[in-house]
Amino acid sequence: MSDKKQLDQKLDQNKREEPLTLFSRSAVTGFVGGVFWGLIATILAYFNFTEVAPKSYVLRSWTTATWTDGWLGTVITIMILGGLSVLVAFIYYLFMRKINSMWMGAVYGVILWGILFFILDPIFTNIKPIQEFNQETIVTTICLYVLYGTFIGYSLSYDYHDKVMKEKNEHNKQA
């Protein structure tokens, strides 16, 4: 009987995977959020809901190569946005993960929008200032950033509070 038990423990199907840490899940959430919302932003720019495309910030600010106008530029832009979004998610994780509110994520999105369109505006010389954008561009980009911030913020806060509750329940069961 003990040989069968040892055999069961050795089988791969009976081994349990170690769950990802909160920090690792934050990276995954950030990357997925950056890719998804970057794709949505690209679609919005394609259909002229906004005057400025993500490519304008990510690629065209540093290169004027013709490949940035094609599909390769779009794919590279979306992947770079995924990587940058990991950093954005880590910042949220470090400073605001304990705030379990959808509204904090929305505020985080507005803060990110303000940083990009006001504070970092001088860096992007190929893009006109915020005062020269039409109303549709401003509204569309604010809404996009609010949704992005809500996705990142609420996902990370929910994950953090879910883990805390599980640990609390495990502690109560052991006591």
C-alpha atoms as a PDB file:
ATOM      1  CA  MET A   1       0.000   0.000   0.000  1.00  0.00           C
ATOM      2  CA  SER A   2       2.806   2.424   0.776  1.00  0.00           C
ATOM      3  CA  ASP A   3       4.375   1.778  -2.673  1.00  0.00           C
ATOM      4  CA  LYS A   4       1.148   2.890  -4.345  1.00  0.00           C
ATOM      5  CA  LYS A   5       1.058   6.049  -2.220  1.00  0.00           C
ATOM      6  CA  GLN A   6       4.667   6.864  -3.108  1.00  0.00           C
ATOM      7  CA  LEU A   7       3.916   6.290  -6.797  1.00  0.00           C
ATOM      8  CA  ASP A   8       0.907   8.652  -6.620  1.00  0.00           C
ATOM      9  CA  GLN A   9       3.045  11.368  -5.046  1.00  0.00           C
ATOM     10  CA  LYS A  10       5.634  11.052  -7.811  1.00  0.00           C
ATOM     11  CA  LEU A  11       3.133  11.393 -10.661  1.00  0.00           C
ATOM     12  CA  ASP A  12       3.094  14.815 -12.268  1.00  0.00           C
ATOM     13  CA  GLN A  13      -0.682  14.961 -12.292  1.00  0.00           C
ATOM     14  CA  ASN A  14      -0.766  14.695  -8.512  1.00  0.00           C
ATOM     15  CA  LYS A  15       1.678  17.525  -7.909  1.00  0.00           C
ATOM     16  CA  ARG A  16       0.302  20.928  -7.008  1.00  0.00           C
ATOM     17  CA  GLU A  17       1.632  23.998  -8.738  1.00  0.00           C
ATOM     18  CA  GLU A  18       2.885  26.810  -6.608  1.00  0.00           C
ATOM     19  CA  PRO A  19       0.539  29.790  -7.010  1.00  0.00           C
ATOM     20  CA  LEU A  20       1.937  33.022  -8.391  1.00  0.00           C
ATOM     21  CA  THR A  21       2.830  35.664  -5.857  1.00  0.00           C
ATOM     22  CA  LEU A  22       0.850  38.889  -5.716  1.00  0.00           C
ATOM     23  CA  PHE A  23       3.801  40.686  -7.266  1.00  0.00           C
ATOM     24  CA  SER A  24       3.899  38.230 -10.190  1.00  0.00           C
ATOM     25  CA  ARG A  25       0.154  38.485 -10.703  1.00  0.00           C
ATOM     26  CA  SER A  26       0.549  42.268 -10.726  1.00  0.00           C
ATOM     27  CA  ALA A  27       3.027  41.959 -13.585  1.00  0.00           C
ATOM     28  CA  VAL A  28       0.654  39.716 -15.529  1.00  0.00           C
ATOM     29  CA  THR A  29      -2.273  42.071 -14.869  1.00  0.00           C
ATOM     30  CA  GLY A  30      -0.191  45.038 -15.998  1.00  0.00           C
ATOM     31  CA  PHE A  31       0.969  43.358 -19.198  1.00  0.00           C
ATOM     32  CA  VAL A  32      -2.505  42.132 -20.129  1.00  0.00           C
ATOM     33  CA  GLY A  33      -3.994  45.552 -19.338  1.00  0.00           C
ATOM     34  CA  GLY A  34      -1.385  47.341 -21.429  1.00  0.00           C
ATOM     35  CA  VAL A  35      -1.855  45.050 -24.414  1.00  0.00           C
ATOM     36  CA  PHE A  36      -5.659  45.070 -24.227  1.00  0.00           C
ATOM     37  CA  TRP A  37      -6.145  48.793 -23.687  1.00  0.00           C
ATOM     38  CA  GLY A  38      -3.333  49.602 -26.140  1.00  0.00           C
ATOM     39  CA  LEU A  39      -5.206  47.594 -28.749  1.00  0.00           C
ATOM     40  CA  ILE A  40      -8.430  49.443 -27.913  1.00  0.00           C
ATOM     41  CA  ALA A  41      -6.590  52.787 -28.200  1.00  0.00           C
ATOM     42  CA  THR A  42      -5.215  51.751 -31.579  1.00  0.00           C
ATOM     43  CA  ILE A  43      -8.701  50.828 -32.782  1.00  0.00           C
ATOM     44  CA  LEU A  44     -10.076  54.155 -31.517  1.00  0.00           C
ATOM     45  CA  ALA A  45      -7.351  56.023 -33.398  1.00  0.00           C
ATOM     46  CA  TYR A  46      -7.988  53.981 -36.553  1.00  0.00           C
ATOM     47  CA  PHE A  47     -11.666  54.951 -36.514  1.00  0.00           C
ATOM     48  CA  ASN A  48     -10.747  58.603 -35.792  1.00  0.00           C
ATOM     49  CA  PHE A  49     -12.258  58.811 -32.317  1.00  0.00           C
ATOM     50  CA  THR A  50      -8.971  60.378 -31.304  1.00  0.00           C
ATOM     51  CA  GLU A  51      -6.444  62.469 -33.221  1.00  0.00           C
ATOM     52  CA  VAL A  52      -3.463  60.770 -31.640  1.00  0.00           C
ATOM     53  CA  ALA A  53      -2.563  57.083 -31.838  1.00  0.00           C
ATOM     54  CA  PRO A  54      -0.445  55.149 -29.322  1.00  0.00           C
ATOM     55  CA  LYS A  55       2.235  54.874 -32.046  1.00  0.00           C
ATOM     56  CA  SER A  56       2.656  58.640 -31.898  1.00  0.00           C
ATOM     57  CA  TYR A  57       3.847  58.451 -28.318  1.00  0.00           C
ATOM     58  CA  VAL A  58       5.666  55.138 -28.263  1.00  0.00           C
ATOM     59  CA  LEU A  59       7.457  54.959 -31.622  1.00  0.00           C
ATOM     60  CA  ARG A  60       7.115  58.098 -33.697  1.00  0.00           C
ATOM     61  CA  SER A  61       8.557  60.298 -30.977  1.00  0.00           C
ATOM     62  CA  TRP A  62      11.919  58.619 -31.423  1.00  0.00           C
ATOM     63  CA  THR A  63      11.935  57.375 -35.007  1.00  0.00           C
ATOM     64  CA  THR A  64      10.517  58.509 -38.316  1.00  0.00           C
ATOM     65  CA  ALA A  65      11.068  55.216 -40.112  1.00  0.00           C
ATOM     66  CA  THR A  66       8.346  54.207 -42.547  1.00  0.00           C
ATOM     67  CA  TRP A  67       7.776  50.817 -40.880  1.00  0.00           C
ATOM     68  CA  THR A  68       6.158  52.581 -37.903  1.00  0.00           C
ATOM     69  CA  ASP A  69       3.131  53.340 -40.104  1.00  0.00           C
ATOM     70  CA  GLY A  70       2.415  49.673 -40.844  1.00  0.00           C
ATOM     71  CA  TRP A  71       1.240  46.647 -38.901  1.00  0.00           C
ATOM     72  CA  LEU A  72       4.735  45.999 -37.499  1.00  0.00           C
ATOM     73  CA  GLY A  73       4.731  49.420 -35.846  1.00  0.00           C
ATOM     74  CA  THR A  74       1.316  48.679 -34.354  1.00  0.00           C
ATOM     75  CA  VAL A  75       2.387  45.301 -32.948  1.00  0.00           C
ATOM     76  CA  ILE A  76       5.626  46.665 -31.500  1.00  0.00           C
ATOM     77  CA  THR A  77       3.747  49.606 -29.987  1.00  0.00           C
ATOM     78  CA  ILE A  78       1.222  47.326 -28.297  1.00  0.00           C
ATOM     79  CA  MET A  79       3.985  45.093 -26.887  1.00  0.00           C
ATOM     80  CA  ILE A  80       5.882  48.128 -25.575  1.00  0.00           C
ATOM     81  CA  LEU A  81       2.660  49.370 -23.983  1.00  0.00           C
ATOM     82  CA  GLY A  82       2.328  45.980 -22.273  1.00  0.00           C
ATOM     83  CA  GLY A  83       5.832  46.347 -20.857  1.00  0.00           C
ATOM     84  CA  LEU A  84       5.265  49.925 -19.714  1.00  0.00           C
ATOM     85  CA  SER A  85       1.999  48.870 -18.156  1.00  0.00           C
ATOM     86  CA  VAL A  86       3.841  46.377 -15.952  1.00  0.00           C
ATOM     87  CA  LEU A  87       5.666  49.364 -14.435  1.00  0.00           C
ATOM     88  CA  VAL A  88       2.348  51.216 -14.006  1.00  0.00           C
ATOM     89  CA  ALA A  89       0.867  48.154 -12.281  1.00  0.00           C
ATOM     90  CA  PHE A  90       3.853  47.864  -9.936  1.00  0.00           C
ATOM     91  CA  ILE A  91       3.449  51.511  -8.916  1.00  0.00           C
ATOM     92  CA  TYR A  92      -0.219  50.890  -8.139  1.00  0.00           C
ATOM     93  CA  TYR A  93       0.674  47.680  -6.303  1.00  0.00           C
ATOM     94  CA  LEU A  94       3.287  49.392  -4.141  1.00  0.00           C
ATOM     95  CA  PHE A  95       1.263  52.436  -3.147  1.00  0.00           C
ATOM     96  CA  MET A  96      -2.463  51.776  -3.526  1.00  0.00           C
ATOM     97  CA  ARG A  97      -3.220  48.039  -3.446  1.00  0.00           C
ATOM     98  CA  LYS A  98      -4.823  48.268  -0.006  1.00  0.00           C
ATOM     99  CA  ILE A  99      -7.511  50.669  -1.249  1.00  0.00           C
ATOM    100  CA  ASN A 100     -10.333  48.344  -2.267  1.00  0.00           C
ATOM    101  CA  SER A 101     -12.348  50.701  -4.435  1.00  0.00           C
ATOM    102  CA  MET A 102     -13.137  50.894  -8.100  1.00  0.00           C
ATOM    103  CA  TRP A 103     -12.982  54.673  -7.853  1.00  0.00           C
ATOM    104  CA  MET A 104      -9.326  54.707  -6.842  1.00  0.00           C
ATOM    105  CA  GLY A 105      -8.513  52.934 -10.100  1.00  0.00           C
ATOM    106  CA  ALA A 106     -10.516  55.512 -12.043  1.00  0.00           C
ATOM    107  CA  VAL A 107      -8.663  58.332 -10.264  1.00  0.00           C
ATOM    108  CA  TYR A 108      -5.380  56.545 -11.025  1.00  0.00           C
ATOM    109  CA  GLY A 109      -6.333  56.526 -14.709  1.00  0.00           C
ATOM    110  CA  VAL A 110      -7.066  60.270 -14.646  1.00  0.00           C
ATOM    111  CA  ILE A 111      -3.709  60.867 -12.931  1.00  0.00           C
ATOM    112  CA  LEU A 112      -1.946  58.837 -15.635  1.00  0.00           C
ATOM    113  CA  TRP A 113      -3.776  60.814 -18.324  1.00  0.00           C
ATOM    114  CA  GLY A 114      -2.704  64.087 -16.699  1.00  0.00           C
ATOM    115  CA  ILE A 115       0.902  62.953 -16.466  1.00  0.00           C
ATOM    116  CA  LEU A 116       1.009  61.965 -20.137  1.00  0.00           C
ATOM    117  CA  PHE A 117      -0.896  64.902 -21.610  1.00  0.00           C
ATOM    118  CA  PHE A 118       0.369  67.704 -19.356  1.00  0.00           C
ATOM    119  CA  ILE A 119       3.629  66.814 -17.613  1.00  0.00           C
ATOM    120  CA  LEU A 120       5.262  64.694 -20.331  1.00  0.00           C
ATOM    121  CA  ASP A 121       3.881  66.818 -23.180  1.00  0.00           C
ATOM    122  CA  PRO A 122       7.192  68.656 -23.837  1.00  0.00           C
ATOM    123  CA  ILE A 123       8.960  65.332 -24.464  1.00  0.00           C
ATOM    124  CA  PHE A 124       6.694  64.487 -27.398  1.00  0.00           C
ATOM    125  CA  THR A 125       7.527  67.253 -29.838  1.00  0.00           C
ATOM    126  CA  ASN A 126       5.769  65.534 -32.741  1.00  0.00           C
ATOM    127  CA  ILE A 127       2.395  65.765 -30.963  1.00  0.00           C
ATOM    128  CA  LYS A 128       0.532  69.026 -30.646  1.00  0.00           C
ATOM    129  CA  PRO A 129      -0.276  70.384 -27.168  1.00  0.00           C
ATOM    130  CA  ILE A 130      -3.468  69.357 -25.361  1.00  0.00           C
ATOM    131  CA  GLN A 131      -5.006  72.792 -25.973  1.00  0.00           C
ATOM    132  CA  GLU A 132      -4.992  72.137 -29.733  1.00  0.00           C
ATOM    133  CA  PHE A 133      -6.764  68.755 -29.597  1.00  0.00           C
ATOM    134  CA  ASN A 134     -10.437  68.596 -30.450  1.00  0.00           C
ATOM    135  CA  GLN A 135     -13.005  67.823 -27.782  1.00  0.00           C
ATOM    136  CA  GLU A 136     -13.569  64.255 -29.005  1.00  0.00           C
ATOM    137  CA  THR A 137      -9.898  63.405 -28.572  1.00  0.00           C
ATOM    138  CA  ILE A 138      -9.805  64.741 -25.029  1.00  0.00           C
ATOM    139  CA  VAL A 139     -12.997  62.951 -23.961  1.00  0.00           C
ATOM    140  CA  THR A 140     -12.008  59.692 -25.660  1.00  0.00           C
ATOM    141  CA  THR A 141      -8.538  59.602 -24.140  1.00  0.00           C
ATOM    142  CA  ILE A 142      -9.788  60.486 -20.651  1.00  0.00           C
ATOM    143  CA  CYS A 143     -12.391  57.716 -20.863  1.00  0.00           C
ATOM    144  CA  LEU A 144      -9.776  55.273 -22.124  1.00  0.00           C
ATOM    145  CA  TYR A 145      -7.422  56.090 -19.257  1.00  0.00           C
ATOM    146  CA  VAL A 146     -10.238  55.869 -16.689  1.00  0.00           C
ATOM    147  CA  LEU A 147     -11.106  52.389 -17.961  1.00  0.00           C
ATOM    148  CA  TYR A 148      -7.445  51.378 -18.031  1.00  0.00           C
ATOM    149  CA  GLY A 149      -6.855  52.683 -14.491  1.00  0.00           C
ATOM    150  CA  THR A 150      -9.990  50.936 -13.260  1.00  0.00           C
ATOM    151  CA  PHE A 151      -8.841  47.671 -14.830  1.00  0.00           C
ATOM    152  CA  ILE A 152      -5.390  47.852 -13.254  1.00  0.00           C
ATOM    153  CA  GLY A 153      -6.481  49.301  -9.917  1.00  0.00           C
ATOM    154  CA  TYR A 154      -9.499  47.163  -9.221  1.00  0.00           C
ATOM    155  CA  SER A 155      -7.809  43.971 -10.411  1.00  0.00           C
ATOM    156  CA  LEU A 156      -4.831  44.476  -8.121  1.00  0.00           C
ATOM    157  CA  SER A 157      -6.892  45.649  -5.137  1.00  0.00           C
ATOM    158  CA  TYR A 158      -9.326  42.754  -5.501  1.00  0.00           C
ATOM    159  CA  ASP A 159      -6.465  40.278  -5.772  1.00  0.00           C
ATOM    160  CA  TYR A 160      -4.772  41.718  -2.683  1.00  0.00           C
ATOM    161  CA  HIS A 161      -7.938  41.696  -0.569  1.00  0.00           C
ATOM    162  CA  ASP A 162      -8.849  38.208  -1.774  1.00  0.00           C
ATOM    163  CA  LYS A 163      -5.453  36.918  -0.639  1.00  0.00           C
ATOM    164  CA  VAL A 164      -5.791  38.669   2.729  1.00  0.00           C
ATOM    165  CA  MET A 165      -9.225  37.101   3.268  1.00  0.00           C
ATOM    166  CA  LYS A 166      -7.931  33.636   2.356  1.00  0.00           C
ATOM    167  CA  GLU A 167      -5.044  33.999   4.781  1.00  0.00           C
ATOM    168  CA  LYS A 168      -7.436  35.180   7.488  1.00  0.00           C
ATOM    169  CA  ASN A 169      -9.728  32.183   6.873  1.00  0.00           C
ATOM    170  CA  GLU A 170      -6.747  29.782   6.960  1.00  0.00           C
ATOM    171  CA  HIS A 171      -5.631  31.332  10.245  1.00  0.00           C
ATOM    172  CA  ASN A 172      -9.139  31.022  11.717  1.00  0.00           C
ATOM    173  CA  LYS A 173      -9.368  27.361  10.668  1.00  0.00           C
ATOM    174  CA  GLN A 174      -6.044  26.558  12.329  1.00  0.00           C
ATOM    175  CA  ALA A 175      -7.017  28.276  15.579  1.00  0.00           C
END
